[in-house]
C-alpha cells in the first residue's frame, strides 16, 4: 500500500528534525514512512550517526502522537540512483520536502508538498577511515524477528560497507527456543521475507546478498573463509571477538569489526545491559498483549 515519503538533501550539514516532526503531524496514523537522502554519503561514521539520529527521532516523535503504534515502519533510504528512485516512486503516494530544497525534487513524478520550515546546522563527528564499499564481502547476523529500526541500521551499514557480496545470517529456531514470548516469535521464512523486502528497498544492483540460517554462534562466518568484515552492534561486541577467535583457531583471517550504535534510550550502555534499547522482545510482548486484548473483546 502506498505511503508518504520525505526527501532530505544533506543531513551531514543540516538538521531536518523540524521538517520530519512537522510531517508526522500531517500524516498521523499512517503505517509507514520512508525518508530519502539525496546527497551521497561516503563515510561510515556519518552514516552510522545519521541513521541512529533519524530512526530515533521518528520513533520518539510518534510517541507523542495519538494514532501511531509500535507496528509503524520507518525506512531510511540513501545512496540510490535516479533510476532506482523512479522505480521506488510507486511505493509512495505523497512526498514532502523543505521549501528551500525543492530543486532536488526535479524529474521525480510524485505529488509533493513543500514545507516552510527553518533548517539549522547539524554537527557530526570527524570522518573515520572506513568508507563506502570498503569490503568485497561483508557479513551480518541476527534474529531479525519483527524487523525493527535497530535491524534496519545493522543491514544498512553492512550493505554500505559492501562492494560485491553481502552474507546475512538469520538465527534458526533451535537457538531461539528459550526466547521470551516465543509464542509470537516469527517463523524463519517470515523473518527472511522481512529482511529481503528491506534490502530490496535500499540496495543497488551491484551488491548481491546471500541468506543463511544460523544454528550456532558463528553461523556462516565460521565456515566461509572469504569474508572481510563483520557488522555488529556495540551490544554484541563480545560475539564479534568470539567469531574472530574461532576463525583464527581454524586458520581463517580475522574479520574487520564495525559496531553500530545501539538504538533506544540515550542512557543505554553496557553497564546497565543496554536497558531501554529497542528490541524484538519488547515488540513480541506488545504483540502478545494486543492479541490477548483482541481475544477478550
Foldseek 3Di string as FASTA:
>chain_A
DAAEEEEDEDQQWWDCLVVLLVVCVVRPQDQEYEYEYHDADWFLQVLLVVLQVVLLSNVVSNVPGDRDDPRRYYHYAYDDDPVLQQVCLVNHAEYEYAPVPCVVVPPRPHHYDHDDDDIHTDDTDDGDPQTFQQWQEEEEEDQLWSNHSQNNSQVVSRQRNHQAEYEYEHEAVQVCVPPPLCVPTDHPVVSVVVVVVSCSSHHDPRYDYDYDYDDDLQGVLLPDQRHAAYEEAPLCVVSLVVSQVNCVVVVGHRHHYHHRYFHADPPQDVVVSGPGGDDSSVVSVVVVVVVVVVVVD
